[in-house]
Amino acid sequence: VQLQASGGGLVQGGGSLRLSCATRSGRTFSSYAVGWFRQAPGKEREFVAAISWSGGSTHYADSVKGRFTISRDDAKNTVYLQMNSLKPEDTAVYYCAARVSYSSGVYTSPSDYTYWGQGTLVTVSS
């Protein structure tokens, strides 16, 4: 499945953005667990948030807990990452990733995922 991440941009600290991850071909997302990762310049890719195939389980990195919310709308074949109270340290390229899953599991390692989107840049100014 091909993924397309969108919604990045420039925002002031304290502001909000909503990222979207959609299947390019309109292929169903319903059998996939999805995760968001980010990579800042000079740093390794890090886990941000993940959601199970059903949406019943979610997991967040401590650094974003309480500020970011991951959700999915399988009717639209889209997974969202709502980002509130953004900080300059949230600046990074954000990637969505997916893997087939029929369990309630959420996955936090990049190696857990099979498919990746191209990334969308989020820049938070101070």
Protein backbone atom coordinates (compact mmCIF):
# COMPACT_ATOMS: atom_id res chain seq x y z
CA VAL A 1 0.00 0.00 0.00
CA GLN A 2 1.29 3.47 -0.87
CA LEU A 3 0.96 6.14 1.77
CA GLN A 4 0.81 9.90 1.45
CA ALA A 5 1.42 12.17 4.41
CA SER A 6 0.21 15.76 4.29
CA GLY A 7 -0.69 18.70 6.48
CA GLY A 8 2.72 19.93 7.53
CA GLY A 9 3.68 23.56 7.54
CA LEU A 10 5.02 26.47 9.54
CA VAL A 11 3.29 27.28 12.81
CA GLN A 12 4.07 29.41 15.82
CA GLY A 13 4.81 27.81 19.14
CA GLY A 14 1.58 26.95 20.95
CA GLY A 15 -0.25 26.47 17.69
CA SER A 16 -1.85 23.40 16.14
CA LEU A 17 -1.59 21.33 13.00
CA ARG A 18 -3.36 18.22 11.80
CA LEU A 19 -1.41 15.73 9.74
CA SER A 20 -3.11 13.22 7.49
CA CYS A 21 -1.91 9.88 6.20
CA ALA A 22 -3.92 8.46 3.34
CA THR A 23 -3.56 5.56 0.96
CA ARG A 24 -2.69 6.91 -2.46
CA SER A 25 -4.75 4.44 -4.41
CA GLY A 26 -7.75 4.69 -2.13
CA ARG A 27 -6.98 1.20 -0.95
CA THR A 28 -8.61 0.26 2.32
CA PHE A 29 -6.69 1.05 5.48
CA SER A 30 -8.83 -1.07 7.72
CA SER A 31 -6.44 -4.02 8.13
CA TYR A 32 -3.41 -1.91 8.94
CA ALA A 33 -1.89 -0.67 12.15
CA VAL A 34 -0.45 2.80 11.59
CA GLY A 35 2.27 4.81 13.25
CA TRP A 36 3.69 8.29 13.06
CA PHE A 37 7.40 8.93 13.36
CA ARG A 38 9.50 12.05 13.05
CA GLN A 39 13.06 12.90 12.21
CA ALA A 40 14.73 16.18 13.06
CA PRO A 41 17.92 17.29 11.30
CA GLY A 42 20.91 15.34 12.57
CA LYS A 43 18.78 13.05 14.69
CA GLU A 44 17.46 9.53 14.34
CA ARG A 45 13.90 8.80 13.41
CA GLU A 46 11.78 8.58 16.55
CA PHE A 47 8.39 7.20 17.41
CA VAL A 48 5.55 9.67 17.93
CA ALA A 49 2.22 7.82 18.04
CA ALA A 50 0.58 4.60 16.91
CA ILE A 51 -2.91 3.22 16.49
CA SER A 52 -4.15 -0.34 16.12
CA TRP A 53 -6.06 -1.56 13.09
CA SER A 54 -9.38 -1.12 14.89
CA GLY A 55 -8.52 2.19 16.49
CA GLY A 56 -9.15 0.65 19.87
CA SER A 57 -5.55 0.97 21.03
CA THR A 58 -3.25 3.95 20.84
CA HIS A 59 0.19 4.72 22.20
CA TYR A 60 2.22 7.91 22.40
CA ALA A 61 5.78 8.94 23.01
CA ASP A 62 6.15 10.63 26.38
CA SER A 63 7.27 13.82 24.67
CA VAL A 64 3.91 14.27 22.93
CA LYS A 65 1.50 12.66 25.38
CA GLY A 66 -1.35 15.00 26.22
CA ARG A 67 -0.62 17.23 23.22
CA PHE A 68 -0.97 14.92 20.21
CA THR A 69 -3.89 12.66 19.30
CA ILE A 70 -3.86 9.90 16.71
CA SER A 71 -7.13 8.78 15.16
CA ARG A 72 -8.40 7.01 12.09
CA ASP A 73 -11.32 7.24 9.70
CA ASP A 74 -11.40 4.04 7.71
CA ALA A 75 -14.28 5.28 5.59
CA LYS A 76 -11.84 7.88 4.26
CA ASN A 77 -8.82 5.55 4.41
CA THR A 78 -7.04 8.16 6.47
CA VAL A 79 -5.19 8.32 9.76
CA TYR A 80 -4.78 11.68 11.47
CA LEU A 81 -2.31 13.15 13.91
CA GLN A 82 -3.75 16.17 15.68
CA MET A 83 -0.91 18.19 17.14
CA ASN A 84 -1.70 20.87 19.73
CA SER A 85 0.48 23.09 21.91
CA LEU A 86 3.31 22.70 19.46
CA LYS A 87 6.84 23.43 20.60
CA PRO A 88 9.96 24.30 18.62
CA GLU A 89 11.37 20.90 19.53
CA ASP A 90 8.51 19.31 17.57
CA THR A 91 10.11 20.61 14.38
CA ALA A 92 10.86 17.63 12.14
CA VAL A 93 9.83 15.72 9.06
CA TYR A 94 6.88 13.57 10.06
CA TYR A 95 6.38 10.16 8.47
CA CYS A 96 3.45 7.80 8.61
CA ALA A 97 3.94 4.06 8.37
CA ALA A 98 1.67 1.05 8.15
CA ARG A 99 1.72 -2.69 8.59
CA VAL A 100 -0.87 -5.39 8.23
CA SER A 101 -2.25 -6.31 11.61
CA TYR A 102 -5.26 -8.22 12.89
CA SER A 103 -4.45 -7.84 16.56
CA SER A 104 -4.98 -4.97 18.97
CA GLY A 105 -1.28 -4.28 18.97
CA VAL A 106 0.41 -0.97 18.45
CA TYR A 107 3.96 -0.79 17.19
CA THR A 108 6.63 1.68 18.18
CA SER A 109 9.73 0.68 16.25
CA PRO A 110 10.40 1.73 12.64
CA SER A 111 11.39 -1.87 11.90
CA ASP A 112 7.86 -2.99 12.80
CA TYR A 113 6.44 -1.27 9.74
CA THR A 114 6.34 -2.33 6.12
CA TYR A 115 5.03 0.71 4.29
CA TRP A 116 6.11 4.34 4.59
CA GLY A 117 4.87 7.66 3.34
CA GLN A 118 7.15 10.33 1.93
CA GLY A 119 7.12 12.65 4.95
CA THR A 120 5.73 16.11 5.62
CA LEU A 121 7.72 18.93 7.19
CA VAL A 122 6.52 20.55 10.39
CA THR A 123 8.31 23.70 11.49
CA VAL A 124 7.45 25.32 14.80
CA SER A 125 8.80 28.80 15.41
CA SER A 126 9.55 30.17 18.83
